[in-house]
Amino acid sequence: MWLTAVRDIAIVLLAFESLVIGILLALMLLQLRKLVRTLREEIAPILHTANDTVETVNRTAGFVSHNVVEPVIKVHSYVSGTRQAIRTLALIRRKLRGDGDGTGAG
């Protein structure tokens, strides 16, 4: 007799658990639908704007590199080369004049 009552209580509890799980599953599906809608309507435009910004930064960096940095590097290299050439010519001149070791200290 008591085994039948335990069985009936277990069946009722399982039915109640199934109802709760079904309700929670339905709520989860609604939340998932809401998440997908949010991703489509809000996140996608933000990502698109971020991609546009990255492209603009890349183009600006390329422009600055080509029009500012490269000319500065070229001018600096020409100045350094000219300075070194003048030093070399001065050293040769000192050695030709017989100034010693070329350090100017002797």
Protein backbone atom coordinates (compact mmCIF):
# COMPACT_ATOMS: atom_id res chain seq x y z
CA MET A 1 0.00 0.00 0.00
CA TRP A 2 2.68 2.51 0.97
CA LEU A 3 4.71 1.54 -2.13
CA THR A 4 1.80 2.63 -4.31
CA ALA A 5 1.60 5.96 -2.53
CA VAL A 6 5.36 6.53 -3.01
CA ARG A 7 4.99 5.66 -6.69
CA ASP A 8 2.09 8.10 -7.09
CA ILE A 9 4.01 10.88 -5.32
CA ALA A 10 7.05 10.24 -7.54
CA ILE A 11 4.89 10.44 -10.65
CA VAL A 12 3.37 13.74 -9.49
CA LEU A 13 6.81 15.13 -8.67
CA LEU A 14 8.18 14.09 -12.06
CA ALA A 15 5.19 15.68 -13.81
CA PHE A 16 5.69 18.89 -11.82
CA GLU A 17 9.42 18.85 -12.64
CA SER A 18 8.63 18.38 -16.33
CA LEU A 19 6.30 21.40 -16.23
CA VAL A 20 8.95 23.54 -14.54
CA ILE A 21 11.61 22.44 -17.04
CA GLY A 22 9.25 23.15 -19.94
CA ILE A 23 8.47 26.64 -18.63
CA LEU A 24 12.16 27.39 -18.06
CA LEU A 25 13.01 26.10 -21.54
CA ALA A 26 10.37 28.39 -23.07
CA LEU A 27 11.77 31.35 -21.12
CA MET A 28 15.27 30.48 -22.27
CA LEU A 29 14.14 30.35 -25.89
CA LEU A 30 12.52 33.78 -25.52
CA GLN A 31 15.72 35.19 -24.04
CA LEU A 32 17.76 33.61 -26.83
CA ARG A 33 15.47 35.20 -29.41
CA LYS A 34 15.89 38.55 -27.68
CA LEU A 35 19.68 38.12 -27.69
CA VAL A 36 19.74 37.33 -31.41
CA ARG A 37 17.62 40.40 -32.13
CA THR A 38 19.96 42.55 -30.04
CA LEU A 39 22.98 41.19 -31.88
CA ARG A 40 21.42 41.95 -35.25
CA GLU A 41 20.09 45.41 -34.46
CA GLU A 42 22.69 46.86 -32.11
CA ILE A 43 25.97 44.96 -32.19
CA ALA A 44 26.26 44.62 -35.97
CA PRO A 45 26.11 48.40 -36.60
CA ILE A 46 28.68 48.98 -33.85
CA LEU A 47 31.01 46.46 -35.46
CA HIS A 48 30.48 48.06 -38.86
CA THR A 49 31.36 51.48 -37.43
CA ALA A 50 34.44 50.04 -35.72
CA ASN A 51 35.59 48.50 -39.01
CA ASP A 52 35.12 51.84 -40.77
CA THR A 53 37.17 53.54 -38.06
CA VAL A 54 39.97 50.98 -38.38
CA GLU A 55 40.05 51.48 -42.15
CA THR A 56 40.24 55.25 -41.69
CA VAL A 57 43.09 54.89 -39.19
CA ASN A 58 44.96 52.59 -41.58
CA ARG A 59 44.57 55.05 -44.46
CA THR A 60 45.65 57.97 -42.25
CA ALA A 61 48.69 56.06 -40.98
CA GLY A 62 49.67 55.22 -44.56
CA PHE A 63 49.23 58.84 -45.65
CA VAL A 64 51.34 60.14 -42.75
CA SER A 65 53.99 57.49 -43.34
CA HIS A 66 54.22 58.25 -47.05
CA ASN A 67 53.97 62.05 -46.90
CA VAL A 68 55.66 62.91 -43.58
CA VAL A 69 57.82 60.12 -42.21
CA GLU A 70 59.53 59.01 -45.45
CA PRO A 71 60.60 62.55 -46.44
CA VAL A 72 61.93 63.23 -42.93
CA ILE A 73 63.91 59.98 -43.01
CA LYS A 74 65.31 60.84 -46.44
CA VAL A 75 66.36 64.34 -45.35
CA HIS A 76 67.92 62.96 -42.18
CA SER A 77 69.84 60.33 -44.15
CA TYR A 78 71.10 62.95 -46.62
CA VAL A 79 72.20 65.21 -43.73
CA SER A 80 73.92 62.30 -41.97
CA GLY A 81 75.65 61.25 -45.18
CA THR A 82 76.78 64.80 -45.90
CA ARG A 83 78.04 65.23 -42.32
CA GLN A 84 79.99 61.98 -42.53
CA ALA A 85 81.43 62.97 -45.92
CA ILE A 86 82.60 66.31 -44.45
CA ARG A 87 84.19 64.50 -41.49
CA THR A 88 85.97 62.11 -43.81
CA LEU A 89 87.22 64.93 -46.03
CA ALA A 90 88.44 66.85 -42.98
CA LEU A 91 90.26 63.76 -41.71
CA ILE A 92 91.90 63.24 -45.11
CA ARG A 93 92.87 66.89 -45.22
CA ARG A 94 94.48 66.71 -41.76
CA LYS A 95 96.39 63.58 -42.72
CA LEU A 96 97.59 65.21 -45.93
CA ARG A 97 98.78 68.26 -43.97
CA GLY A 98 100.70 65.94 -41.67
CA ASP A 99 98.73 66.69 -38.53
CA GLY A 100 99.58 63.35 -36.92
CA ASP A 101 96.98 60.69 -36.26
CA GLY A 102 94.06 62.82 -37.43
CA THR A 103 92.55 63.32 -34.01
CA GLY A 104 93.71 66.92 -33.81
CA ALA A 105 95.30 66.30 -30.41
CA GLY A 106 98.88 66.26 -31.48
